[in-house]
Amino acid sequence: MLLEALPAFPETLTLGYVTFAPVRVLDGVKSLSYGANMLATRLAQERGFDDALLVTPHGRVLELPTASFFWVVGGEVRTPRCPSMSSIRSPAGS
């Protein structure tokens, strides 16, 4: 087993939105390639943000490149609706 200490995280972080529009032919394809995610993070950091918030060309929030996005409303945890990721996230998306 390999264990390493977690890096120090700031108390808050800033997110810069990056429009995520993968090629239509790849819709629904689960891939291990993080190339697009790495580019999104770089684009956000070049604009002074800590990480990217991936959104569709229509403005729908998807996720972060290497993290999940959620918020709390009335004590209930909410996540973005994303049908292509329904097998790997909570079904209670909102």
PDB file of N, CA and C in Angstrom:
ATOM      1  N   MET A   1       0.848  -1.157   0.000  1.00  0.00           N
ATOM      2  CA  MET A   1       0.000   0.000   0.000  1.00  0.00           C
ATOM      3  C   MET A   1       0.899   1.227   0.000  1.00  0.00           C
ATOM      4  N   LEU A   2       0.541   2.173  -0.838  1.00  0.00           N
ATOM      5  CA  LEU A   2       1.264   3.434  -0.938  1.00  0.00           C
ATOM      6  C   LEU A   2       0.405   4.534  -0.340  1.00  0.00           C
ATOM      7  N   LEU A   3       0.933   5.217   0.636  1.00  0.00           N
ATOM      8  CA  LEU A   3       0.212   6.321   1.272  1.00  0.00           C
ATOM      9  C   LEU A   3       1.042   7.585   1.157  1.00  0.00           C
ATOM     10  N   GLU A   4       0.376   8.667   0.923  1.00  0.00           N
ATOM     11  CA  GLU A   4       1.069   9.955   0.913  1.00  0.00           C
ATOM     12  C   GLU A   4       0.173  10.990   1.555  1.00  0.00           C
ATOM     13  N   ALA A   5       0.805  11.991   2.110  1.00  0.00           N
ATOM     14  CA  ALA A   5       0.051  13.046   2.786  1.00  0.00           C
ATOM     15  C   ALA A   5      -0.737  13.864   1.769  1.00  0.00           C
ATOM     16  N   LEU A   6      -1.917  14.324   2.184  1.00  0.00           N
ATOM     17  CA  LEU A   6      -2.701  15.204   1.334  1.00  0.00           C
ATOM     18  C   LEU A   6      -2.008  16.556   1.236  1.00  0.00           C
ATOM     19  N   PRO A   7      -2.059  17.178   0.077  1.00  0.00           N
ATOM     20  CA  PRO A   7      -1.486  18.525  -0.019  1.00  0.00           C
ATOM     21  C   PRO A   7      -2.323  19.512   0.781  1.00  0.00           C
ATOM     22  N   ALA A   8      -1.715  20.620   1.156  1.00  0.00           N
ATOM     23  CA  ALA A   8      -2.445  21.662   1.879  1.00  0.00           C
ATOM     24  C   ALA A   8      -3.393  22.353   0.907  1.00  0.00           C
ATOM     25  N   PHE A   9      -4.638  22.481   1.291  1.00  0.00           N
ATOM     26  CA  PHE A   9      -5.635  23.141   0.459  1.00  0.00           C
ATOM     27  C   PHE A   9      -6.006  24.474   1.080  1.00  0.00           C
ATOM     28  N   PRO A  10      -6.253  25.489   0.249  1.00  0.00           N
ATOM     29  CA  PRO A  10      -6.704  26.767   0.805  1.00  0.00           C
ATOM     30  C   PRO A  10      -8.110  26.621   1.361  1.00  0.00           C
ATOM     31  N   GLU A  11      -8.486  27.548   2.228  1.00  0.00           N
ATOM     32  CA  GLU A  11      -9.824  27.504   2.810  1.00  0.00           C
ATOM     33  C   GLU A  11     -10.896  27.693   1.744  1.00  0.00           C
ATOM     34  N   THR A  12     -10.602  28.486   0.743  1.00  0.00           N
ATOM     35  CA  THR A  12     -11.507  28.692  -0.383  1.00  0.00           C
ATOM     36  C   THR A  12     -10.715  28.584  -1.674  1.00  0.00           C
ATOM     37  N   LEU A  13     -11.416  28.352  -2.772  1.00  0.00           N
ATOM     38  CA  LEU A  13     -10.760  28.377  -4.061  1.00  0.00           C
ATOM     39  C   LEU A  13     -11.668  29.033  -5.075  1.00  0.00           C
ATOM     40  N   THR A  14     -11.066  29.553  -6.126  1.00  0.00           N
ATOM     41  CA  THR A  14     -11.842  30.249  -7.139  1.00  0.00           C
ATOM     42  C   THR A  14     -11.987  29.368  -8.372  1.00  0.00           C
ATOM     43  N   LEU A  15     -13.157  29.436  -8.996  1.00  0.00           N
ATOM     44  CA  LEU A  15     -13.430  28.641 -10.188  1.00  0.00           C
ATOM     45  C   LEU A  15     -13.681  29.564 -11.365  1.00  0.00           C
ATOM     46  N   GLY A  16     -13.012  29.277 -12.472  1.00  0.00           N
ATOM     47  CA  GLY A  16     -13.256  30.010 -13.703  1.00  0.00           C
ATOM     48  C   GLY A  16     -13.985  29.095 -14.658  1.00  0.00           C
ATOM     49  N   TYR A  17     -15.095  29.560 -15.242  1.00  0.00           N
ATOM     50  CA  TYR A  17     -15.840  28.664 -16.118  1.00  0.00           C
ATOM     51  C   TYR A  17     -15.105  28.490 -17.435  1.00  0.00           C
ATOM     52  N   VAL A  18     -15.129  27.261 -17.917  1.00  0.00           N
ATOM     53  CA  VAL A  18     -14.545  26.903 -19.210  1.00  0.00           C
ATOM     54  C   VAL A  18     -15.614  26.135 -19.966  1.00  0.00           C
ATOM     55  N   THR A  19     -15.934  26.592 -21.169  1.00  0.00           N
ATOM     56  CA  THR A  19     -16.947  25.906 -21.972  1.00  0.00           C
ATOM     57  C   THR A  19     -16.400  24.571 -22.434  1.00  0.00           C
ATOM     58  N   PHE A  20     -17.127  23.508 -22.136  1.00  0.00           N
ATOM     59  CA  PHE A  20     -16.722  22.148 -22.472  1.00  0.00           C
ATOM     60  C   PHE A  20     -17.650  21.641 -23.557  1.00  0.00           C
ATOM     61  N   ALA A  21     -17.104  21.456 -24.757  1.00  0.00           N
ATOM     62  CA  ALA A  21     -17.915  21.014 -25.895  1.00  0.00           C
ATOM     63  C   ALA A  21     -17.188  19.894 -26.636  1.00  0.00           C
ATOM     64  N   PRO A  22     -17.240  18.665 -26.095  1.00  0.00           N
ATOM     65  CA  PRO A  22     -16.563  17.556 -26.771  1.00  0.00           C
ATOM     66  C   PRO A  22     -17.209  17.269 -28.122  1.00  0.00           C
ATOM     67  N   VAL A  23     -16.454  16.660 -28.974  1.00  0.00           N
ATOM     68  CA  VAL A  23     -16.953  16.299 -30.301  1.00  0.00           C
ATOM     69  C   VAL A  23     -18.177  15.403 -30.155  1.00  0.00           C
ATOM     70  N   ARG A  24     -19.240  15.693 -30.915  1.00  0.00           N
ATOM     71  CA  ARG A  24     -20.502  14.942 -30.802  1.00  0.00           C
ATOM     72  C   ARG A  24     -20.311  13.440 -30.988  1.00  0.00           C
ATOM     73  N   VAL A  25     -19.354  13.043 -31.811  1.00  0.00           N
ATOM     74  CA  VAL A  25     -19.160  11.616 -32.052  1.00  0.00           C
ATOM     75  C   VAL A  25     -18.729  10.887 -30.773  1.00  0.00           C
ATOM     76  N   LEU A  26     -18.222  11.619 -29.796  1.00  0.00           N
ATOM     77  CA  LEU A  26     -17.773  11.009 -28.547  1.00  0.00           C
ATOM     78  C   LEU A  26     -18.814  11.097 -27.431  1.00  0.00           C
ATOM     79  N   ASP A  27     -19.997  11.643 -27.728  1.00  0.00           N
ATOM     80  CA  ASP A  27     -21.032  11.716 -26.698  1.00  0.00           C
ATOM     81  C   ASP A  27     -21.306  10.332 -26.116  1.00  0.00           C
ATOM     82  N   GLY A  28     -21.351  10.264 -24.803  1.00  0.00           N
ATOM     83  CA  GLY A  28     -21.661   9.009 -24.131  1.00  0.00           C
ATOM     84  C   GLY A  28     -20.485   8.057 -24.002  1.00  0.00           C
ATOM     85  N   VAL A  29     -19.334   8.436 -24.537  1.00  0.00           N
ATOM     86  CA  VAL A  29     -18.148   7.580 -24.453  1.00  0.00           C
ATOM     87  C   VAL A  29     -17.416   7.891 -23.160  1.00  0.00           C
ATOM     88  N   LYS A  30     -17.168   6.882 -22.368  1.00  0.00           N
ATOM     89  CA  LYS A  30     -16.375   7.059 -21.160  1.00  0.00           C
ATOM     90  C   LYS A  30     -14.926   6.785 -21.549  1.00  0.00           C
ATOM     91  N   SER A  31     -14.080   7.736 -21.277  1.00  0.00           N
ATOM     92  CA  SER A  31     -12.686   7.649 -21.698  1.00  0.00           C
ATOM     93  C   SER A  31     -11.769   7.892 -20.510  1.00  0.00           C
ATOM     94  N   LEU A  32     -10.577   7.336 -20.577  1.00  0.00           N
ATOM     95  CA  LEU A  32      -9.592   7.574 -19.532  1.00  0.00           C
ATOM     96  C   LEU A  32      -8.682   8.750 -19.881  1.00  0.00           C
ATOM     97  N   SER A  33      -8.945   9.422 -20.978  1.00  0.00           N
ATOM     98  CA  SER A  33      -8.131  10.556 -21.400  1.00  0.00           C
ATOM     99  C   SER A  33      -8.522  11.802 -20.605  1.00  0.00           C
ATOM    100  N   TYR A  34      -7.536  12.411 -19.975  1.00  0.00           N
ATOM    101  CA  TYR A  34      -7.771  13.636 -19.226  1.00  0.00           C
ATOM    102  C   TYR A  34      -7.230  14.852 -19.966  1.00  0.00           C
ATOM    103  N   GLY A  35      -6.919  14.701 -21.256  1.00  0.00           N
ATOM    104  CA  GLY A  35      -6.361  15.800 -22.027  1.00  0.00           C
ATOM    105  C   GLY A  35      -7.223  17.044 -22.004  1.00  0.00           C
ATOM    106  N   ALA A  36      -8.521  16.894 -22.272  1.00  0.00           N
ATOM    107  CA  ALA A  36      -9.422  18.048 -22.279  1.00  0.00           C
ATOM    108  C   ALA A  36      -9.536  18.652 -20.885  1.00  0.00           C
ATOM    109  N   ASN A  37      -9.559  17.817 -19.855  1.00  0.00           N
ATOM    110  CA  ASN A  37      -9.650  18.316 -18.478  1.00  0.00           C
ATOM    111  C   ASN A  37      -8.388  19.083 -18.093  1.00  0.00           C
ATOM    112  N   MET A  38      -7.231  18.566 -18.496  1.00  0.00           N
ATOM    113  CA  MET A  38      -5.980  19.255 -18.196  1.00  0.00           C
ATOM    114  C   MET A  38      -5.939  20.618 -18.882  1.00  0.00           C
ATOM    115  N   LEU A  39      -6.407  20.678 -20.131  1.00  0.00           N
ATOM    116  CA  LEU A  39      -6.448  21.941 -20.851  1.00  0.00           C
ATOM    117  C   LEU A  39      -7.400  22.921 -20.173  1.00  0.00           C
ATOM    118  N   ALA A  40      -8.565  22.449 -19.737  1.00  0.00           N
ATOM    119  CA  ALA A  40      -9.528  23.319 -19.061  1.00  0.00           C
ATOM    120  C   ALA A  40      -8.923  23.922 -17.794  1.00  0.00           C
ATOM    121  N   THR A  41      -8.230  23.098 -17.020  1.00  0.00           N
ATOM    122  CA  THR A  41      -7.579  23.596 -15.804  1.00  0.00           C
ATOM    123  C   THR A  41      -6.537  24.650 -16.163  1.00  0.00           C
ATOM    124  N   ARG A  42      -5.745  24.370 -17.180  1.00  0.00           N
ATOM    125  CA  ARG A  42      -4.718  25.335 -17.591  1.00  0.00           C
ATOM    126  C   ARG A  42      -5.346  26.657 -18.036  1.00  0.00           C
ATOM    127  N   LEU A  43      -6.427  26.583 -18.812  1.00  0.00           N
ATOM    128  CA  LEU A  43      -7.099  27.803 -19.272  1.00  0.00           C
ATOM    129  C   LEU A  43      -7.606  28.632 -18.092  1.00  0.00           C
ATOM    130  N   ALA A  44      -8.205  27.967 -17.103  1.00  0.00           N
ATOM    131  CA  ALA A  44      -8.704  28.678 -15.924  1.00  0.00           C
ATOM    132  C   ALA A  44      -7.554  29.288 -15.123  1.00  0.00           C
ATOM    133  N   GLN A  45      -6.472  28.539 -14.940  1.00  0.00           N
ATOM    134  CA  GLN A  45      -5.338  29.042 -14.170  1.00  0.00           C
ATOM    135  C   GLN A  45      -4.656  30.213 -14.876  1.00  0.00           C
ATOM    136  N   GLU A  46      -4.622  30.188 -16.201  1.00  0.00           N
ATOM    137  CA  GLU A  46      -4.040  31.312 -16.948  1.00  0.00           C
ATOM    138  C   GLU A  46      -4.850  32.591 -16.752  1.00  0.00           C
ATOM    139  N   ARG A  47      -6.129  32.442 -16.381  1.00  0.00           N
ATOM    140  CA  ARG A  47      -6.983  33.606 -16.107  1.00  0.00           C
ATOM    141  C   ARG A  47      -6.997  33.955 -14.622  1.00  0.00           C
ATOM    142  N   GLY A  48      -6.152  33.286 -13.820  1.00  0.00           N
ATOM    143  CA  GLY A  48      -6.030  33.618 -12.401  1.00  0.00           C
ATOM    144  C   GLY A  48      -6.895  32.827 -11.454  1.00  0.00           C
ATOM    145  N   PHE A  49      -7.600  31.787 -11.944  1.00  0.00           N
ATOM    146  CA  PHE A  49      -8.443  30.959 -11.083  1.00  0.00           C
ATOM    147  C   PHE A  49      -7.671  29.734 -10.605  1.00  0.00           C
ATOM    148  N   ASP A  50      -8.174  29.091  -9.555  1.00  0.00           N
ATOM    149  CA  ASP A  50      -7.544  27.882  -9.035  1.00  0.00           C
ATOM    150  C   ASP A  50      -7.876  26.659  -9.884  1.00  0.00           C
ATOM    151  N   ASP A  51      -9.098  26.588 -10.377  1.00  0.00           N
ATOM    152  CA  ASP A  51      -9.534  25.418 -11.149  1.00  0.00           C
ATOM    153  C   ASP A  51     -10.637  25.835 -12.104  1.00  0.00           C
ATOM    154  N   ALA A  52     -11.009  24.914 -12.981  1.00  0.00           N
ATOM    155  CA  ALA A  52     -12.038  25.183 -13.981  1.00  0.00           C
ATOM    156  C   ALA A  52     -13.379  24.609 -13.542  1.00  0.00           C
ATOM    157  N   LEU A  53     -14.430  25.299 -13.898  1.00  0.00           N
ATOM    158  CA  LEU A  53     -15.792  24.798 -13.751  1.00  0.00           C
ATOM    159  C   LEU A  53     -16.270  24.539 -15.173  1.00  0.00           C
ATOM    160  N   LEU A  54     -16.451  23.272 -15.521  1.00  0.00           N
ATOM    161  CA  LEU A  54     -16.835  22.914 -16.877  1.00  0.00           C
ATOM    162  C   LEU A  54     -18.320  23.158 -17.078  1.00  0.00           C
ATOM    163  N   VAL A  55     -18.642  23.907 -18.126  1.00  0.00           N
ATOM    164  CA  VAL A  55     -20.032  24.194 -18.467  1.00  0.00           C
ATOM    165  C   VAL A  55     -20.242  23.880 -19.942  1.00  0.00           C
ATOM    166  N   THR A  56     -21.477  23.573 -20.312  1.00  0.00           N
ATOM    167  CA  THR A  56     -21.798  23.308 -21.713  1.00  0.00           C
ATOM    168  C   THR A  56     -21.847  24.640 -22.460  1.00  0.00           C
ATOM    169  N   PRO A  57     -21.854  24.594 -23.796  1.00  0.00           N
ATOM    170  CA  PRO A  57     -22.000  25.844 -24.554  1.00  0.00           C
ATOM    171  C   PRO A  57     -23.297  26.597 -24.220  1.00  0.00           C
ATOM    172  N   HIS A  58     -24.284  25.910 -23.645  1.00  0.00           N
ATOM    173  CA  HIS A  58     -25.549  26.529 -23.262  1.00  0.00           C
ATOM    174  C   HIS A  58     -25.547  27.021 -21.817  1.00  0.00           C
ATOM    175  N   GLY A  59     -24.423  26.833 -21.109  1.00  0.00           N
ATOM    176  CA  GLY A  59     -24.313  27.322 -19.737  1.00  0.00           C
ATOM    177  C   GLY A  59     -24.671  26.342 -18.651  1.00  0.00           C
ATOM    178  N   ARG A  60     -24.941  25.087 -18.984  1.00  0.00           N
ATOM    179  CA  ARG A  60     -25.274  24.087 -17.963  1.00  0.00           C
ATOM    180  C   ARG A  60     -23.990  23.631 -17.256  1.00  0.00           C
ATOM    181  N   VAL A  61     -23.999  23.670 -15.936  1.00  0.00           N
ATOM    182  CA  VAL A  61     -22.836  23.257 -15.149  1.00  0.00           C
ATOM    183  C   VAL A  61     -22.687  21.739 -15.228  1.00  0.00           C
ATOM    184  N   LEU A  62     -21.461  21.278 -15.482  1.00  0.00           N
ATOM    185  CA  LEU A  62     -21.191  19.849 -15.555  1.00  0.00           C
ATOM    186  C   LEU A  62     -20.429  19.372 -14.321  1.00  0.00           C
ATOM    187  N   GLU A  63     -19.166  19.769 -14.208  1.00  0.00           N
ATOM    188  CA  GLU A  63     -18.300  19.293 -13.136  1.00  0.00           C
ATOM    189  C   GLU A  63     -16.999  20.069 -13.167  1.00  0.00           C
ATOM    190  N   LEU A  64     -16.076  19.717 -12.291  1.00  0.00           N
ATOM    191  CA  LEU A  64     -14.718  20.227 -12.347  1.00  0.00           C
ATOM    192  C   LEU A  64     -13.869  19.165 -13.035  1.00  0.00           C
ATOM    193  N   PRO A  65     -12.708  19.531 -13.564  1.00  0.00           N
ATOM    194  CA  PRO A  65     -11.877  18.540 -14.265  1.00  0.00           C
ATOM    195  C   PRO A  65     -11.497  17.325 -13.426  1.00  0.00           C
ATOM    196  N   THR A  66     -11.233  17.528 -12.146  1.00  0.00           N
ATOM    197  CA  THR A  66     -10.814  16.396 -11.314  1.00  0.00           C
ATOM    198  C   THR A  66     -11.577  16.330  -9.999  1.00  0.00           C
ATOM    199  N   ALA A  67     -12.770  16.904  -9.977  1.00  0.00           N
ATOM    200  CA  ALA A  67     -13.560  16.905  -8.746  1.00  0.00           C
ATOM    201  C   ALA A  67     -15.040  16.980  -9.092  1.00  0.00           C
ATOM    202  N   SER A  68     -15.855  16.653  -8.137  1.00  0.00           N
ATOM    203  CA  SER A  68     -17.302  16.783  -8.298  1.00  0.00           C
ATOM    204  C   SER A  68     -17.726  18.168  -7.847  1.00  0.00           C
ATOM    205  N   PHE A  69     -18.836  18.622  -8.373  1.00  0.00           N
ATOM    206  CA  PHE A  69     -19.389  19.919  -8.004  1.00  0.00           C
ATOM    207  C   PHE A  69     -20.721  19.678  -7.322  1.00  0.00           C
ATOM    208  N   PHE A  70     -20.909  20.284  -6.157  1.00  0.00           N
ATOM    209  CA  PHE A  70     -22.178  20.149  -5.457  1.00  0.00           C
ATOM    210  C   PHE A  70     -22.432  21.402  -4.647  1.00  0.00           C
ATOM    211  N   TRP A  71     -23.681  21.564  -4.229  1.00  0.00           N
ATOM    212  CA  TRP A  71     -24.062  22.665  -3.368  1.00  0.00           C
ATOM    213  C   TRP A  71     -25.163  22.169  -2.458  1.00  0.00           C
ATOM    214  N   VAL A  72     -25.445  22.932  -1.424  1.00  0.00           N
ATOM    215  CA  VAL A  72     -26.447  22.535  -0.432  1.00  0.00           C
ATOM    216  C   VAL A  72     -27.589  23.542  -0.445  1.00  0.00           C
ATOM    217  N   VAL A  73     -28.821  23.014  -0.551  1.00  0.00           N
ATOM    218  CA  VAL A  73     -30.029  23.835  -0.502  1.00  0.00           C
ATOM    219  C   VAL A  73     -30.948  23.230   0.554  1.00  0.00           C
ATOM    220  N   GLY A  74     -31.246  24.004   1.558  1.00  0.00           N
ATOM    221  CA  GLY A  74     -32.142  23.516   2.606  1.00  0.00           C
ATOM    222  C   GLY A  74     -31.675  22.225   3.253  1.00  0.00           C
ATOM    223  N   GLY A  75     -30.372  22.071   3.424  1.00  0.00           N
ATOM    224  CA  GLY A  75     -29.824  20.870   4.038  1.00  0.00           C
ATOM    225  C   GLY A  75     -29.708  19.676   3.105  1.00  0.00           C
ATOM    226  N   GLU A  76     -30.063  19.851   1.832  1.00  0.00           N
ATOM    227  CA  GLU A  76     -29.994  18.771   0.850  1.00  0.00           C
ATOM    228  C   GLU A  76     -28.846  19.019  -0.131  1.00  0.00           C
ATOM    229  N   VAL A  77     -28.022  18.008  -0.338  1.00  0.00           N
ATOM    230  CA  VAL A  77     -26.903  18.120  -1.267  1.00  0.00           C
ATOM    231  C   VAL A  77     -27.410  17.969  -2.695  1.00  0.00           C
ATOM    232  N   ARG A  78     -27.026  18.888  -3.561  1.00  0.00           N
ATOM    233  CA  ARG A  78     -27.443  18.867  -4.964  1.00  0.00           C
ATOM    234  C   ARG A  78     -26.228  18.714  -5.860  1.00  0.00           C
ATOM    235  N   THR A  79     -26.419  18.095  -7.010  1.00  0.00           N
ATOM    236  CA  THR A  79     -25.370  17.952  -8.021  1.00  0.00           C
ATOM    237  C   THR A  79     -25.950  18.327  -9.375  1.00  0.00           C
ATOM    238  N   PRO A  80     -25.104  18.724 -10.328  1.00  0.00           N
ATOM    239  CA  PRO A  80     -25.631  19.047 -11.657  1.00  0.00           C
ATOM    240  C   PRO A  80     -26.238  17.816 -12.321  1.00  0.00           C
ATOM    241  N   ARG A  81     -27.268  18.033 -13.139  1.00  0.00           N
ATOM    242  CA  ARG A  81     -27.840  16.940 -13.923  1.00  0.00           C
ATOM    243  C   ARG A  81     -26.923  16.703 -15.112  1.00  0.00           C
ATOM    244  N   CYS A  82     -26.554  15.471 -15.318  1.00  0.00           N
ATOM    245  CA  CYS A  82     -25.688  15.129 -16.441  1.00  0.00           C
ATOM    246  C   CYS A  82     -25.990  13.689 -16.847  1.00  0.00           C
ATOM    247  N   PRO A  83     -26.915  13.483 -17.778  1.00  0.00           N
ATOM    248  CA  PRO A  83     -27.341  12.130 -18.140  1.00  0.00           C
ATOM    249  C   PRO A  83     -26.199  11.208 -18.551  1.00  0.00           C
ATOM    250  N   SER A  84     -25.173  11.725 -19.207  1.00  0.00           N
ATOM    251  CA  SER A  84     -24.086  10.847 -19.660  1.00  0.00           C
ATOM    252  C   SER A  84     -23.259  10.318 -18.508  1.00  0.00           C
ATOM    253  N   MET A  85     -23.410  10.907 -17.309  1.00  0.00           N
ATOM    254  CA  MET A  85     -22.641  10.456 -16.163  1.00  0.00           C
ATOM    255  C   MET A  85     -23.528   9.814 -15.113  1.00  0.00           C
ATOM    256  N   SER A  86     -24.726   9.437 -15.460  1.00  0.00           N
ATOM    257  CA  SER A  86     -25.681   8.941 -14.472  1.00  0.00           C
ATOM    258  C   SER A  86     -25.194   7.667 -13.779  1.00  0.00           C
ATOM    259  N   SER A  87     -24.317   6.908 -14.417  1.00  0.00           N
ATOM    260  CA  SER A  87     -23.859   5.661 -13.795  1.00  0.00           C
ATOM    261  C   SER A  87     -22.788   5.894 -12.753  1.00  0.00           C
ATOM    262  N   ILE A  88     -22.236   7.107 -12.667  1.00  0.00           N
ATOM    263  CA  ILE A  88     -21.135   7.307 -11.732  1.00  0.00           C
ATOM    264  C   ILE A  88     -21.390   8.434 -10.749  1.00  0.00           C
ATOM    265  N   ARG A  89     -22.612   8.931 -10.660  1.00  0.00           N
ATOM    266  CA  ARG A  89     -22.917   9.983  -9.701  1.00  0.00           C
ATOM    267  C   ARG A  89     -24.236   9.682  -9.012  1.00  0.00           C
ATOM    268  N   SER A  90     -24.526  10.489  -8.055  1.00  0.00           N
ATOM    269  CA  SER A  90     -25.778  10.337  -7.319  1.00  0.00           C
ATOM    270  C   SER A  90     -26.970  10.562  -8.240  1.00  0.00           C
ATOM    271  N   PRO A  91     -28.024   9.744  -8.146  1.00  0.00           N
ATOM    272  CA  PRO A  91     -29.203   9.945  -8.970  1.00  0.00           C
ATOM    273  C   PRO A  91     -30.040  11.135  -8.545  1.00  0.00           C
ATOM    274  N   ALA A  92     -29.682  11.781  -7.438  1.00  0.00           N
ATOM    275  CA  ALA A  92     -30.491  12.871  -6.914  1.00  0.00           C
ATOM    276  C   ALA A  92     -30.076  14.224  -7.490  1.00  0.00           C
ATOM    277  N   GLY A  93     -29.514  14.230  -8.679  1.00  0.00           N
ATOM    278  CA  GLY A  93     -29.036  15.475  -9.299  1.00  0.00           C
ATOM    279  C   GLY A  93     -30.132  16.517  -9.379  1.00  0.00           C
ATOM    280  N   SER A  94     -29.708  17.755  -9.372  1.00  0.00           N
ATOM    281  CA  SER A  94     -30.685  18.838  -9.430  1.00  0.00           C
ATOM    282  C   SER A  94     -30.127  19.973 -10.253  1.00  0.00           C
TER     283      SER A  94
END
